Protein backbone atom coordinates (compact mmCIF):
# COMPACT_ATOMS: atom_id res chain seq x y z
CA MET A 1 98.91 47.34 38.64
CA PRO A 2 98.40 49.87 35.55
CA ALA A 3 96.15 53.26 36.04
CA SER A 4 92.69 53.45 35.56
CA PHE A 5 90.15 56.08 35.25
CA ALA A 6 86.18 55.46 34.06
CA GLY A 7 86.27 58.95 32.94
CA PHE A 8 83.88 62.04 34.44
CA PRO A 9 80.35 61.79 34.90
CA PRO A 10 78.26 63.55 32.38
CA GLU A 11 76.72 65.91 34.76
CA ALA A 12 80.12 67.56 35.06
CA LEU A 13 79.96 68.82 31.66
CA ARG A 14 76.54 69.73 32.33
CA PHE A 15 77.36 71.52 35.32
CA PHE A 16 80.02 73.35 33.32
CA ARG A 17 77.38 74.51 30.81
CA GLN A 18 75.29 75.35 33.21
CA LEU A 19 77.67 77.79 35.29
CA GLU A 20 78.78 79.13 32.19
CA ARG A 21 74.95 80.24 31.82
CA ASN A 22 74.62 81.22 35.43
CA ASN A 23 78.33 82.08 36.30
CA ARG A 24 76.82 83.96 40.35
CA ARG A 25 77.61 83.24 43.46
CA ASP A 26 74.00 82.65 43.98
CA TRP A 27 73.80 80.00 41.45
CA PHE A 28 76.50 78.47 42.30
CA GLU A 29 76.18 78.17 46.38
CA PRO A 30 73.44 75.64 46.46
CA ARG A 31 74.91 73.64 43.64
CA LYS A 32 78.41 73.45 45.59
CA GLN A 33 77.61 70.23 46.22
CA VAL A 34 76.63 68.80 42.95
CA PHE A 35 80.26 70.60 41.70
CA LEU A 36 82.16 68.52 44.91
CA ASP A 37 80.51 65.27 43.87
CA SER A 38 80.82 65.60 40.28
CA VAL A 39 83.77 67.80 39.05
CA ARG A 40 85.94 68.04 42.08
CA ALA A 41 85.61 64.08 43.47
CA PRO A 42 86.52 62.83 39.60
CA MET A 43 89.15 65.38 39.19
CA GLU A 44 90.82 63.80 42.41
CA GLU A 45 90.90 60.01 41.14
CA PHE A 46 91.77 61.74 37.65
CA VAL A 47 94.78 63.12 39.05
CA ALA A 48 95.91 60.09 41.68
CA ALA A 49 95.74 57.65 38.13
CA ILE A 50 97.44 60.38 36.42
CA ASP A 51 100.38 60.63 39.02
CA ALA A 52 100.31 56.41 39.02
CA ALA A 53 101.04 56.62 35.60
CA LEU A 54 103.87 59.01 35.99
CA ALA A 55 105.53 57.28 38.77
CA SER A 56 106.23 55.10 35.34
CA PHE A 57 108.45 57.40 33.15
CA ALA A 58 108.62 60.96 34.88
CA PRO A 59 108.39 60.22 38.85
CA GLU A 60 109.73 63.97 39.58
CA ALA A 61 106.43 65.14 38.26
CA VAL A 62 104.07 62.90 40.22
CA THR A 63 101.94 65.39 42.45
CA LEU A 64 99.01 65.20 44.49
CA PRO A 65 95.96 66.43 44.07
CA GLU A 66 95.44 68.61 46.77
CA ARG A 67 98.58 70.45 45.17
CA ALA A 68 97.61 69.83 41.47
CA ILE A 69 94.03 70.90 41.68
CA TYR A 70 93.29 74.44 40.79
CA ARG A 71 90.90 76.49 42.65
CA ILE A 72 87.32 76.96 40.84
CA TYR A 73 87.80 80.69 42.04
CA ARG A 74 88.63 82.71 39.95
CA ASP A 75 91.00 85.75 41.07
CA THR A 76 88.98 89.13 40.11
CA ARG A 77 90.92 91.74 41.37
CA PHE A 78 92.75 92.36 38.09
CA SER A 79 90.68 91.51 35.63
CA PRO A 80 87.72 93.19 34.00
CA ASP A 81 85.54 90.37 33.68
CA LYS A 82 84.31 89.69 37.32
CA SER A 83 82.88 86.49 36.91
CA PRO A 84 83.36 84.57 39.89
CA TYR A 85 84.12 81.18 38.68
CA LYS A 86 86.14 79.18 36.17
CA THR A 87 84.05 76.79 33.87
CA HIS A 88 86.55 74.36 33.88
CA ILE A 89 88.79 72.54 36.34
CA ALA A 90 91.89 72.19 35.77
CA ALA A 91 95.28 70.65 37.36
CA SER A 92 99.15 70.59 37.04
CA PHE A 93 102.02 68.40 37.33
CA PHE A 94 105.61 69.72 38.34
CA ARG A 95 108.86 69.48 40.01
CA SER A 96 108.47 70.35 43.50
CA ASP A 97 112.10 71.34 43.97
CA LEU A 98 111.58 73.78 40.91
CA GLY A 99 108.34 75.00 41.42
CA ARG A 100 104.85 75.38 39.55
CA HIS A 101 104.85 77.58 36.16
CA VAL A 102 108.21 78.78 36.37
CA ALA A 103 109.68 75.19 35.09
CA GLY A 104 108.97 72.91 32.72
CA GLY A 105 105.74 70.43 33.97
CA TYR A 106 102.57 69.32 32.67
CA TYR A 107 98.65 70.71 32.23
CA VAL A 108 94.84 69.21 31.82
CA GLU A 109 92.20 71.09 31.90
CA ILE A 110 88.42 69.43 32.07
CA SER A 111 85.39 71.95 30.60
CA HIS A 112 82.27 71.48 28.30
CA ARG A 113 84.08 72.75 25.58
CA TRP A 114 87.21 70.42 25.23
CA VAL A 115 89.62 68.43 27.15
CA GLY A 116 93.06 70.86 27.19
CA VAL A 117 96.14 69.44 27.54
CA ALA A 118 99.41 71.16 27.45
CA GLY A 119 103.41 71.00 28.64
CA GLY A 120 105.95 73.29 29.02
CA VAL A 121 107.41 76.32 30.98
CA TYR A 122 104.46 79.11 31.48
CA MET A 123 105.51 82.17 33.57
CA PRO A 124 109.23 81.17 33.78
CA THR A 125 111.03 83.97 36.07
CA PRO A 126 113.23 86.44 34.55
CA GLU A 127 116.54 84.16 35.93
CA ASN A 128 115.04 80.98 34.96
CA LEU A 129 113.88 82.82 31.35
CA ARG A 130 117.91 83.51 30.83
CA LEU A 131 118.86 80.49 31.97
CA ILE A 132 116.48 78.65 29.68
CA ARG A 133 117.58 80.93 26.87
CA VAL A 134 121.20 80.29 27.18
CA HIS A 135 120.30 76.18 26.93
CA ILE A 136 118.83 76.65 23.95
CA MET A 137 121.31 78.54 22.08
CA GLU A 138 124.20 76.79 23.45
CA ASN A 139 122.27 72.99 22.56
CA PHE A 140 120.15 74.18 19.82
CA GLU A 141 120.14 71.30 17.32
CA ARG A 142 119.31 69.20 20.09
CA PHE A 143 116.52 71.27 21.61
CA ASP A 144 115.24 72.02 17.11
CA SER A 145 115.13 67.89 17.26
CA LEU A 146 113.40 66.90 20.43
CA ALA A 147 111.02 70.31 19.94
CA ARG A 148 109.96 69.15 16.04
CA ASP A 149 109.78 65.46 16.94
CA ARG A 150 107.29 64.08 14.33
CA LYS A 151 105.16 61.84 16.47
CA LEU A 152 105.12 65.21 19.13
CA LEU A 153 103.89 67.31 16.79
CA ALA A 154 101.16 64.86 15.93
CA ALA A 155 99.89 64.74 19.43
CA MET A 156 100.41 68.26 20.63
CA GLY A 157 100.80 70.74 17.55
CA PRO A 158 104.14 73.39 17.11
CA LEU A 159 105.43 75.04 20.56
CA THR A 160 103.64 77.79 21.14
CA GLY A 161 103.94 81.22 23.11
CA GLU A 162 104.44 84.96 23.40
CA LYS A 163 107.41 86.05 21.30
CA LEU A 164 109.41 89.47 21.51
CA ALA A 165 109.44 91.12 17.77
CA ARG A 166 113.27 91.58 18.29
CA PRO A 167 116.04 88.80 19.66
CA PRO A 168 116.22 89.49 23.54
CA LYS A 169 119.14 91.94 24.44
CA GLY A 170 122.36 90.06 25.16
CA PHE A 171 121.49 86.90 22.48
CA PRO A 172 122.98 87.63 18.75
CA PRO A 173 120.51 88.03 16.69
CA ASP A 174 122.23 86.08 13.73
CA HIS A 175 122.02 82.21 15.73
CA PRO A 176 120.56 79.78 14.08
CA SER A 177 118.08 79.35 17.56
CA VAL A 178 116.82 83.14 17.53
CA GLU A 179 113.41 82.13 16.62
CA TRP A 180 113.24 80.24 19.76
CA LEU A 181 115.20 82.71 22.08
CA LYS A 182 112.61 85.05 20.94
CA PHE A 183 109.91 83.51 23.11
CA LYS A 184 108.69 84.80 26.73
CA HIS A 185 107.04 81.27 27.39
CA TRP A 186 107.45 77.66 25.71
CA TYR A 187 104.28 75.43 25.67
CA PHE A 188 102.61 72.64 23.71
CA TRP A 189 98.26 72.82 24.05
CA LYS A 190 95.95 70.57 22.58
CA GLU A 191 92.55 70.88 22.54
CA LEU A 192 90.73 67.67 22.21
CA PRO A 193 86.71 66.95 21.95
CA ALA A 194 84.80 67.66 25.05
CA ASP A 195 82.81 64.07 25.50
CA LEU A 196 86.62 62.77 25.74
CA ALA A 197 85.98 63.76 29.36
CA THR A 198 83.11 61.03 29.89
CA SER A 199 85.25 58.55 28.59
CA LYS A 200 87.47 55.65 29.61
CA LYS A 201 90.31 56.98 26.50
CA LEU A 202 90.64 59.40 28.68
CA LEU A 203 93.45 58.50 30.92
CA PRO A 204 95.56 57.26 28.17
CA GLU A 205 95.17 60.35 25.20
CA VAL A 206 96.77 62.87 28.45
CA VAL A 207 99.05 60.56 29.99
CA ASN A 208 100.83 59.28 26.05
CA ARG A 209 100.74 63.31 25.32
CA PHE A 210 102.54 64.23 28.78
CA ARG A 211 105.05 60.94 27.80
CA LEU A 212 105.64 62.47 24.36
CA MET A 213 106.31 65.74 25.94
CA LYS A 214 108.62 64.92 28.40
CA PRO A 215 111.80 65.13 26.84
CA VAL A 216 111.24 68.71 26.09
CA ILE A 217 110.22 69.40 29.45
CA ASP A 218 113.05 67.67 31.09
CA PHE A 219 115.64 69.89 28.31
CA PHE A 220 113.86 72.96 30.28
CA ASN A 221 114.42 71.94 33.42
CA GLU A 222 118.13 70.89 33.16
CA PRO A 223 119.78 74.62 33.34
CA LEU A 224 117.41 75.41 36.46
CA LEU A 225 118.40 72.19 38.30
CA ALA A 226 122.49 72.29 37.13
CA MET A 227 121.66 76.00 38.88
CA ARG A 228 120.16 74.86 42.01
CA ARG A 229 122.63 72.11 42.67
CA LYS A 230 125.04 74.90 42.35
CA ARG A 231 123.31 76.51 45.00
CA LEU A 232 122.80 73.96 47.80
CA PRO A 233 125.18 74.20 50.45
CA LEU A 234 127.79 71.44 50.70
CA ALA A 235 126.96 68.37 53.11
CA PRO A 236 129.85 68.57 56.11
CA PRO A 237 131.81 66.16 56.27
CA GLY A 238 130.76 62.31 57.03
CA ALA A 239 126.99 62.89 55.99
C-alpha cells in the first residue's frame, strides 16, 4: 500500500506562531496537550509515512519515529538565547550503523515559517570528514556529476555548508575538487511554503526530494561503510 499522510492540522502552525511570541514554560505547560495532539502525534504519523516510502528506495534510512523525531526542548547550556522551546518540530532519517549527523542522512522540519527539507552530512567526526574528502578527491568527476544533477538542483538548490578559506591541510591545493574539499560539512537545504504542512502534498514533496538526494547521500556514506567493514571482527569459521 502506498504511503499516505493527510497533512498537519492548522492548529500545529497556529501553536508555533503563538509559541514564538510566548516562549516561556508558564505558557507552554498549560498547552502541552495541544502540542502533543496537534504537533507531536501528527509528526509521528508523518515520520511513519516517510519510513513507508523510504522502504522502497532507501530502506537503510528507515528510522522509527521515537528515534527520528527531535525533542521540542532546546539545549540552552551554551547559547545566549535561553528560550526553552524550539519553534519547529523536526526529524532525521539515517543509517543506524553509521549514526545521526556524522554520516549522510535526511532531515525534515515543520514550522509556521516554512517546511524545511535537507540532506547531507552535517556534523562529521574528524575521521569521517577526512574519509569523505579523500573519497571526493579520488572520485571527483562522479561526485561533481551527482551534486550538480539538474533535477536535484531544481528541487533543492546547490550543496551548501561552512567552508575553509584555504584547502585543508594535507590535500593538494591545485586539485580540481579543491572547492568541494574546503567544505567542513555538506548539505542541501530547501525551504518550502509553511502551508504545505497542512496539505496532503506534503508527503510526496518531501519524499521526492529525499529520492533525488539519495545518490549524493549514498556517495558520502561509501567510504564510511568501507571503513566500518574493515573494522568488523572476522566471523569464526563455519559461522
